[in-house]
Amino acid sequence: MAEENGARLFEPCRACHSLDPAARGLPGPNLAGLPGRKVGDDGAFDYSPVLSKAREQGLVWDEARLDQFLTDPAGMF
């Protein structure tokens, strides 16, 4: 049930993001394996200055940080 809900909630995101590690050419960064990755680490994507700064600071995506970002992206950074 939770997996089905996650797939349904992710559906609008598919316009810009992929969960397939081989996918390229979308408007947004690839989200495959996101937990544990540095913020802003997809070399194929041009990140905003605040996300680039977060990468330089060594911030890593974890469940809490991702939840906070999805709840209020502008307020987080």
C-alpha atoms as a PDB file:
ATOM      1  CA  MET A   1       0.000   0.000   0.000  1.00  0.00           C
ATOM      2  CA  ALA A   2       2.743   2.500   0.934  1.00  0.00           C
ATOM      3  CA  GLU A   3       4.627   1.706  -2.287  1.00  0.00           C
ATOM      4  CA  GLU A   4       1.459   2.321  -4.326  1.00  0.00           C
ATOM      5  CA  ASN A   5       0.914   5.648  -2.547  1.00  0.00           C
ATOM      6  CA  GLY A   6       4.525   6.639  -3.199  1.00  0.00           C
ATOM      7  CA  ALA A   7       4.201   5.819  -6.892  1.00  0.00           C
ATOM      8  CA  ARG A   8       0.983   7.827  -7.105  1.00  0.00           C
ATOM      9  CA  LEU A   9       2.513  10.812  -5.289  1.00  0.00           C
ATOM     10  CA  PHE A  10       5.623  10.728  -7.501  1.00  0.00           C
ATOM     11  CA  GLU A  11       3.616  10.697 -10.746  1.00  0.00           C
ATOM     12  CA  PRO A  12       3.560  14.528 -11.221  1.00  0.00           C
ATOM     13  CA  CYS A  13       7.322  14.627 -10.563  1.00  0.00           C
ATOM     14  CA  ARG A  14       7.999  12.324 -13.524  1.00  0.00           C
ATOM     15  CA  ALA A  15       7.652  15.271 -15.907  1.00  0.00           C
ATOM     16  CA  CYS A  16      11.065  16.520 -14.697  1.00  0.00           C
ATOM     17  CA  HIS A  17      12.675  13.695 -12.691  1.00  0.00           C
ATOM     18  CA  SER A  18      13.469  10.013 -13.116  1.00  0.00           C
ATOM     19  CA  LEU A  19      14.164   7.208 -10.666  1.00  0.00           C
ATOM     20  CA  ASP A  20      15.949   5.232 -13.385  1.00  0.00           C
ATOM     21  CA  PRO A  21      19.724   5.700 -12.914  1.00  0.00           C
ATOM     22  CA  ALA A  22      20.272   5.503 -16.687  1.00  0.00           C
ATOM     23  CA  ALA A  23      17.712   8.191 -17.584  1.00  0.00           C
ATOM     24  CA  ARG A  24      19.137  11.448 -18.948  1.00  0.00           C
ATOM     25  CA  GLY A  25      17.872  14.613 -20.606  1.00  0.00           C
ATOM     26  CA  LEU A  26      15.035  15.538 -18.268  1.00  0.00           C
ATOM     27  CA  PRO A  27      14.587  19.128 -16.996  1.00  0.00           C
ATOM     28  CA  GLY A  28      15.301  18.136 -13.373  1.00  0.00           C
ATOM     29  CA  PRO A  29      18.034  16.079 -11.738  1.00  0.00           C
ATOM     30  CA  ASN A  30      17.906  12.294 -11.640  1.00  0.00           C
ATOM     31  CA  LEU A  31      16.585  11.096  -8.281  1.00  0.00           C
ATOM     32  CA  ALA A  32      17.796   7.484  -8.425  1.00  0.00           C
ATOM     33  CA  GLY A  33      19.505   6.573  -5.159  1.00  0.00           C
ATOM     34  CA  LEU A  34      18.847  10.003  -3.668  1.00  0.00           C
ATOM     35  CA  PRO A  35      19.068   9.082   0.042  1.00  0.00           C
ATOM     36  CA  GLY A  36      22.728   9.193   1.027  1.00  0.00           C
ATOM     37  CA  ARG A  37      23.782  11.380  -1.919  1.00  0.00           C
ATOM     38  CA  LYS A  38      25.152  14.880  -1.531  1.00  0.00           C
ATOM     39  CA  VAL A  39      22.667  17.667  -2.166  1.00  0.00           C
ATOM     40  CA  GLY A  40      23.113  18.922  -5.731  1.00  0.00           C
ATOM     41  CA  ASP A  41      25.431  16.137  -6.888  1.00  0.00           C
ATOM     42  CA  ASP A  42      23.947  15.285 -10.308  1.00  0.00           C
ATOM     43  CA  GLY A  43      26.651  16.593 -12.630  1.00  0.00           C
ATOM     44  CA  ALA A  44      24.213  16.704 -15.547  1.00  0.00           C
ATOM     45  CA  PHE A  45      22.074  19.357 -13.837  1.00  0.00           C
ATOM     46  CA  ASP A  46      22.667  23.080 -13.277  1.00  0.00           C
ATOM     47  CA  TYR A  47      21.586  23.687  -9.673  1.00  0.00           C
ATOM     48  CA  SER A  48      20.452  26.935  -8.111  1.00  0.00           C
ATOM     49  CA  PRO A  49      23.045  28.869  -6.098  1.00  0.00           C
ATOM     50  CA  VAL A  50      21.506  27.748  -2.778  1.00  0.00           C
ATOM     51  CA  LEU A  51      21.597  24.058  -3.712  1.00  0.00           C
ATOM     52  CA  SER A  52      25.145  24.440  -5.048  1.00  0.00           C
ATOM     53  CA  LYS A  53      26.125  26.018  -1.718  1.00  0.00           C
ATOM     54  CA  ALA A  54      24.511  23.109   0.158  1.00  0.00           C
ATOM     55  CA  ARG A  55      26.620  20.723  -1.959  1.00  0.00           C
ATOM     56  CA  GLU A  56      29.775  22.703  -1.133  1.00  0.00           C
ATOM     57  CA  GLN A  57      28.865  22.446   2.561  1.00  0.00           C
ATOM     58  CA  GLY A  58      28.705  18.663   2.167  1.00  0.00           C
ATOM     59  CA  LEU A  59      25.012  18.316   3.022  1.00  0.00           C
ATOM     60  CA  VAL A  60      23.601  14.862   2.257  1.00  0.00           C
ATOM     61  CA  TRP A  61      20.039  13.840   1.480  1.00  0.00           C
ATOM     62  CA  ASP A  62      18.526  11.744   4.259  1.00  0.00           C
ATOM     63  CA  GLU A  63      14.900  11.029   5.059  1.00  0.00           C
ATOM     64  CA  ALA A  64      14.486  14.027   7.374  1.00  0.00           C
ATOM     65  CA  ARG A  65      16.170  16.493   4.978  1.00  0.00           C
ATOM     66  CA  LEU A  66      14.177  15.183   2.011  1.00  0.00           C
ATOM     67  CA  ASP A  67      10.908  15.408   3.959  1.00  0.00           C
ATOM     68  CA  GLN A  68      11.737  18.981   4.978  1.00  0.00           C
ATOM     69  CA  PHE A  69      12.641  19.920   1.395  1.00  0.00           C
ATOM     70  CA  LEU A  70       9.464  18.431  -0.088  1.00  0.00           C
ATOM     71  CA  THR A  71       7.344  20.167   2.551  1.00  0.00           C
ATOM     72  CA  ASP A  72       8.872  23.629   2.045  1.00  0.00           C
ATOM     73  CA  PRO A  73      11.694  23.837  -0.531  1.00  0.00           C
ATOM     74  CA  ALA A  74      12.018  27.633  -0.402  1.00  0.00           C
ATOM     75  CA  GLY A  75      12.042  27.666   3.398  1.00  0.00           C
ATOM     76  CA  MET A  76      14.677  24.976   3.716  1.00  0.00           C
ATOM     77  CA  PHE A  77      17.534  26.673   1.880  1.00  0.00           C
END
